[in-house]
Amino acid sequence: MTPSLAPEVGLMTPNGALVLSVVPGTAAYRAGLAPGDDIIALGGRPVANQPELASYLAKYRPGQAVTIVWIDPEGRHAARVALGMYPVR
């Protein structure tokens, strides 16, 4: 997320990791995340950007549960999800 992009997607803050896509059937999909949402925390740790989110996710194993917090134009949301494997294409 960048300061110039945040207002374009309806967000007030440039912090977080912008969700670009969500694969149906994944934990993110079941939690309600959608493209354009902004992930601002994972496992109780604030997320400043995409690389930081990737670094935090790398510390978990598939099947582990973690709380994810995100914002969208409707407000702030949180869900506890069991992480899965990244879909192989």
C-alpha atoms as a PDB file:
ATOM      1  CA  MET A   1       0.000   0.000   0.000  1.00  0.00           C
ATOM      2  CA  THR A   2       1.288   3.444  -0.839  1.00  0.00           C
ATOM      3  CA  PRO A   3       0.098   6.891   0.238  1.00  0.00           C
ATOM      4  CA  SER A   4      -1.116   7.654  -3.291  1.00  0.00           C
ATOM      5  CA  LEU A   5      -2.911   4.317  -3.740  1.00  0.00           C
ATOM      6  CA  ALA A   6      -4.779   4.274  -0.404  1.00  0.00           C
ATOM      7  CA  PRO A   7      -7.413   6.891  -1.325  1.00  0.00           C
ATOM      8  CA  GLU A   8      -7.914   5.282  -4.739  1.00  0.00           C
ATOM      9  CA  VAL A   9      -9.068   2.028  -3.096  1.00  0.00           C
ATOM     10  CA  GLY A  10     -11.134   3.811  -0.450  1.00  0.00           C
ATOM     11  CA  LEU A  11      -8.725   3.519   2.473  1.00  0.00           C
ATOM     12  CA  MET A  12      -7.623   6.221   4.875  1.00  0.00           C
ATOM     13  CA  THR A  13      -4.136   4.878   5.660  1.00  0.00           C
ATOM     14  CA  PRO A  14      -1.205   3.791   3.484  1.00  0.00           C
ATOM     15  CA  ASN A  15      -0.178   1.126   6.022  1.00  0.00           C
ATOM     16  CA  GLY A  16      -0.756  -2.557   5.417  1.00  0.00           C
ATOM     17  CA  ALA A  17      -0.599  -5.043   2.584  1.00  0.00           C
ATOM     18  CA  LEU A  18      -3.090  -4.594  -0.230  1.00  0.00           C
ATOM     19  CA  VAL A  19      -4.978  -7.766  -1.192  1.00  0.00           C
ATOM     20  CA  LEU A  20      -4.686  -8.112  -4.963  1.00  0.00           C
ATOM     21  CA  SER A  21      -6.604 -11.365  -5.376  1.00  0.00           C
ATOM     22  CA  VAL A  22      -8.221 -14.092  -3.291  1.00  0.00           C
ATOM     23  CA  VAL A  23      -8.325 -17.721  -4.404  1.00  0.00           C
ATOM     24  CA  PRO A  24     -11.725 -19.349  -3.790  1.00  0.00           C
ATOM     25  CA  GLY A  25     -11.615 -22.035  -1.110  1.00  0.00           C
ATOM     26  CA  THR A  26      -8.598 -20.610   0.730  1.00  0.00           C
ATOM     27  CA  ALA A  27      -8.578 -19.427   4.346  1.00  0.00           C
ATOM     28  CA  ALA A  28      -8.556 -15.821   3.130  1.00  0.00           C
ATOM     29  CA  TYR A  29     -11.641 -16.467   1.007  1.00  0.00           C
ATOM     30  CA  ARG A  30     -13.500 -18.175   3.850  1.00  0.00           C
ATOM     31  CA  ALA A  31     -12.597 -15.312   6.205  1.00  0.00           C
ATOM     32  CA  GLY A  32     -14.142 -12.788   3.828  1.00  0.00           C
ATOM     33  CA  LEU A  33     -11.066 -11.070   2.423  1.00  0.00           C
ATOM     34  CA  ALA A  34     -11.534  -9.545  -1.015  1.00  0.00           C
ATOM     35  CA  PRO A  35      -9.358  -7.781  -3.584  1.00  0.00           C
ATOM     36  CA  GLY A  36      -8.788  -4.194  -2.474  1.00  0.00           C
ATOM     37  CA  ASP A  37      -8.816  -5.013   1.249  1.00  0.00           C
ATOM     38  CA  ASP A  38      -5.817  -3.916   3.316  1.00  0.00           C
ATOM     39  CA  ILE A  39      -4.240  -6.396   5.765  1.00  0.00           C
ATOM     40  CA  ILE A  40      -3.054  -4.359   8.751  1.00  0.00           C
ATOM     41  CA  ALA A  41      -2.130  -7.069  11.295  1.00  0.00           C
ATOM     42  CA  LEU A  42      -1.254 -10.750  11.438  1.00  0.00           C
ATOM     43  CA  GLY A  43      -0.890 -12.700  14.655  1.00  0.00           C
ATOM     44  CA  GLY A  44      -1.089  -9.544  16.733  1.00  0.00           C
ATOM     45  CA  ARG A  45       1.730  -7.836  14.839  1.00  0.00           C
ATOM     46  CA  PRO A  46       1.086  -4.729  12.738  1.00  0.00           C
ATOM     47  CA  VAL A  47       1.728  -5.141   9.020  1.00  0.00           C
ATOM     48  CA  ALA A  48       3.300  -2.144   7.293  1.00  0.00           C
ATOM     49  CA  ASN A  49       3.645  -3.535   3.765  1.00  0.00           C
ATOM     50  CA  GLN A  50       3.652  -6.596   1.480  1.00  0.00           C
ATOM     51  CA  PRO A  51       7.211  -7.790   2.315  1.00  0.00           C
ATOM     52  CA  GLU A  52       6.498  -7.595   6.039  1.00  0.00           C
ATOM     53  CA  LEU A  53       3.331  -9.676   5.613  1.00  0.00           C
ATOM     54  CA  ALA A  54       5.289 -12.295   3.652  1.00  0.00           C
ATOM     55  CA  SER A  55       7.943 -12.383   6.386  1.00  0.00           C
ATOM     56  CA  TYR A  56       5.320 -12.943   9.095  1.00  0.00           C
ATOM     57  CA  LEU A  57       3.518 -15.631   7.089  1.00  0.00           C
ATOM     58  CA  ALA A  58       6.812 -17.494   6.582  1.00  0.00           C
ATOM     59  CA  LYS A  59       7.001 -18.068  10.340  1.00  0.00           C
ATOM     60  CA  TYR A  60       3.830 -20.196  10.308  1.00  0.00           C
ATOM     61  CA  ARG A  61       3.232 -23.720   9.048  1.00  0.00           C
ATOM     62  CA  PRO A  62       0.219 -24.900   7.082  1.00  0.00           C
ATOM     63  CA  GLY A  63      -2.596 -25.754   9.481  1.00  0.00           C
ATOM     64  CA  GLN A  64      -1.547 -23.252  12.149  1.00  0.00           C
ATOM     65  CA  ALA A  65      -4.232 -20.780  13.201  1.00  0.00           C
ATOM     66  CA  VAL A  66      -3.551 -17.063  13.149  1.00  0.00           C
ATOM     67  CA  THR A  67      -5.648 -13.940  13.569  1.00  0.00           C
ATOM     68  CA  ILE A  68      -5.704 -11.626  10.585  1.00  0.00           C
ATOM     69  CA  VAL A  69      -6.978  -8.042  10.757  1.00  0.00           C
ATOM     70  CA  TRP A  70      -7.919  -6.048   7.682  1.00  0.00           C
ATOM     71  CA  ILE A  71      -9.760  -2.941   6.681  1.00  0.00           C
ATOM     72  CA  ASP A  72     -11.980  -2.219   3.736  1.00  0.00           C
ATOM     73  CA  PRO A  73     -14.342   0.644   2.877  1.00  0.00           C
ATOM     74  CA  GLU A  74     -16.909  -0.838   5.304  1.00  0.00           C
ATOM     75  CA  GLY A  75     -14.568  -0.858   8.314  1.00  0.00           C
ATOM     76  CA  ARG A  76     -12.215  -3.044  10.316  1.00  0.00           C
ATOM     77  CA  HIS A  77     -12.522  -6.842  10.395  1.00  0.00           C
ATOM     78  CA  ALA A  78     -10.734  -9.699  12.125  1.00  0.00           C
ATOM     79  CA  ALA A  79     -10.845 -13.456  11.718  1.00  0.00           C
ATOM     80  CA  ARG A  80      -8.923 -16.423  13.061  1.00  0.00           C
ATOM     81  CA  VAL A  81      -7.936 -18.672  10.193  1.00  0.00           C
ATOM     82  CA  ALA A  82      -6.038 -21.917   9.712  1.00  0.00           C
ATOM     83  CA  LEU A  83      -3.359 -21.284   7.127  1.00  0.00           C
ATOM     84  CA  GLY A  84      -3.083 -23.539   4.108  1.00  0.00           C
ATOM     85  CA  MET A  85      -0.591 -24.238   1.380  1.00  0.00           C
ATOM     86  CA  TYR A  86      -0.239 -21.718  -1.417  1.00  0.00           C
ATOM     87  CA  PRO A  87      -2.176 -23.107  -4.385  1.00  0.00           C
ATOM     88  CA  VAL A  88       0.082 -24.682  -7.006  1.00  0.00           C
ATOM     89  CA  ARG A  89      -0.662 -23.602 -10.552  1.00  0.00           C
END
